[in-house]
């Protein structure tokens, strides 16, 4: 059995997680497109999504009460 002189015996070698190497595409977070950023700031779209989500919750509440 050979040991590496750089790491003392009993100390595990440092492990680099997969897809976390710097400058690889998987390292960077996704960036929203221009259209996505536009829709996030559009009050009409936000109001519409608010209504749709509330209707879905209301439908769920109605179906859960026998």
C-alpha atoms as a PDB file:
ATOM      1  CA  UNK A   1       0.000   0.000   0.000  1.00  0.00           C
ATOM      2  CA  UNK A   2       1.416   3.370  -0.988  1.00  0.00           C
ATOM      3  CA  UNK A   3       0.523   6.692   0.569  1.00  0.00           C
ATOM      4  CA  UNK A   4       0.683  10.114  -0.992  1.00  0.00           C
ATOM      5  CA  UNK A   5       3.163  12.405   0.719  1.00  0.00           C
ATOM      6  CA  UNK A   6       0.886  15.443   0.200  1.00  0.00           C
ATOM      7  CA  UNK A   7      -2.023  14.087   2.249  1.00  0.00           C
ATOM      8  CA  UNK A   8      -1.492  12.664   5.722  1.00  0.00           C
ATOM      9  CA  UNK A   9      -2.689   9.135   6.318  1.00  0.00           C
ATOM     10  CA  UNK A  10      -6.337   8.996   7.366  1.00  0.00           C
ATOM     11  CA  UNK A  11      -7.206  12.348   5.750  1.00  0.00           C
ATOM     12  CA  UNK A  12      -9.460  11.983   2.708  1.00  0.00           C
ATOM     13  CA  UNK A  13      -8.402  13.690  -0.479  1.00  0.00           C
ATOM     14  CA  UNK A  14     -10.515  16.736  -1.451  1.00  0.00           C
ATOM     15  CA  UNK A  15     -13.409  15.798  -3.705  1.00  0.00           C
ATOM     16  CA  UNK A  16     -14.743  18.121  -6.393  1.00  0.00           C
ATOM     17  CA  UNK A  17     -18.496  17.692  -6.982  1.00  0.00           C
ATOM     18  CA  UNK A  18     -19.642  16.850 -10.490  1.00  0.00           C
ATOM     19  CA  UNK A  19     -20.707  19.777 -12.686  1.00  0.00           C
ATOM     20  CA  UNK A  20     -19.136  22.321 -10.359  1.00  0.00           C
ATOM     21  CA  UNK A  21     -15.898  22.883 -12.220  1.00  0.00           C
ATOM     22  CA  UNK A  22     -15.414  26.597 -12.855  1.00  0.00           C
ATOM     23  CA  UNK A  23     -16.120  27.894 -16.359  1.00  0.00           C
ATOM     24  CA  UNK A  24     -18.234  24.905 -17.377  1.00  0.00           C
ATOM     25  CA  UNK A  25     -21.737  25.600 -18.651  1.00  0.00           C
ATOM     26  CA  UNK A  26     -23.386  23.619 -15.840  1.00  0.00           C
ATOM     27  CA  UNK A  27     -21.649  25.860 -13.285  1.00  0.00           C
ATOM     28  CA  UNK A  28     -23.589  28.999 -14.249  1.00  0.00           C
ATOM     29  CA  UNK A  29     -27.217  29.529 -13.167  1.00  0.00           C
ATOM     30  CA  UNK A  30     -29.884  29.904 -15.863  1.00  0.00           C
ATOM     31  CA  UNK A  31     -30.522  33.491 -16.936  1.00  0.00           C
ATOM     32  CA  UNK A  32     -34.089  34.560 -17.810  1.00  0.00           C
ATOM     33  CA  UNK A  33     -34.724  35.603 -21.388  1.00  0.00           C
ATOM     34  CA  UNK A  34     -35.772  39.129 -22.289  1.00  0.00           C
ATOM     35  CA  UNK A  35     -39.381  37.999 -22.758  1.00  0.00           C
ATOM     36  CA  UNK A  36     -39.427  36.374 -19.315  1.00  0.00           C
ATOM     37  CA  UNK A  37     -38.085  39.537 -17.713  1.00  0.00           C
ATOM     38  CA  UNK A  38     -40.689  41.598 -19.576  1.00  0.00           C
ATOM     39  CA  UNK A  39     -43.542  39.381 -18.376  1.00  0.00           C
ATOM     40  CA  UNK A  40     -42.303  39.492 -14.778  1.00  0.00           C
ATOM     41  CA  UNK A  41     -42.597  43.268 -14.805  1.00  0.00           C
ATOM     42  CA  UNK A  42     -45.921  43.455 -16.682  1.00  0.00           C
ATOM     43  CA  UNK A  43     -48.710  44.306 -14.203  1.00  0.00           C
ATOM     44  CA  UNK A  44     -51.482  43.056 -16.491  1.00  0.00           C
ATOM     45  CA  UNK A  45     -49.811  39.649 -16.813  1.00  0.00           C
ATOM     46  CA  UNK A  46     -49.186  39.500 -13.052  1.00  0.00           C
ATOM     47  CA  UNK A  47     -52.850  40.301 -12.344  1.00  0.00           C
ATOM     48  CA  UNK A  48     -53.989  37.623 -14.816  1.00  0.00           C
ATOM     49  CA  UNK A  49     -51.723  34.983 -13.222  1.00  0.00           C
ATOM     50  CA  UNK A  50     -53.011  36.022  -9.775  1.00  0.00           C
ATOM     51  CA  UNK A  51     -56.596  35.416 -10.920  1.00  0.00           C
ATOM     52  CA  UNK A  52     -55.755  32.040 -12.519  1.00  0.00           C
ATOM     53  CA  UNK A  53     -53.882  30.780  -9.455  1.00  0.00           C
ATOM     54  CA  UNK A  54     -56.689  31.916  -7.141  1.00  0.00           C
ATOM     55  CA  UNK A  55     -59.279  30.132  -9.303  1.00  0.00           C
ATOM     56  CA  UNK A  56     -57.202  26.934  -9.152  1.00  0.00           C
ATOM     57  CA  UNK A  57     -57.002  27.174  -5.357  1.00  0.00           C
ATOM     58  CA  UNK A  58     -60.750  27.852  -5.109  1.00  0.00           C
ATOM     59  CA  UNK A  59     -61.484  24.835  -7.308  1.00  0.00           C
ATOM     60  CA  UNK A  60     -59.234  22.688  -5.117  1.00  0.00           C
ATOM     61  CA  UNK A  61     -60.980  23.881  -1.944  1.00  0.00           C
ATOM     62  CA  UNK A  62     -64.404  23.155  -3.433  1.00  0.00           C
ATOM     63  CA  UNK A  63     -63.395  19.651  -4.473  1.00  0.00           C
ATOM     64  CA  UNK A  64     -61.892  18.831  -1.058  1.00  0.00           C
ATOM     65  CA  UNK A  65     -65.137  19.561   0.843  1.00  0.00           C
ATOM     66  CA  UNK A  66     -67.438  16.580   0.343  1.00  0.00           C
END
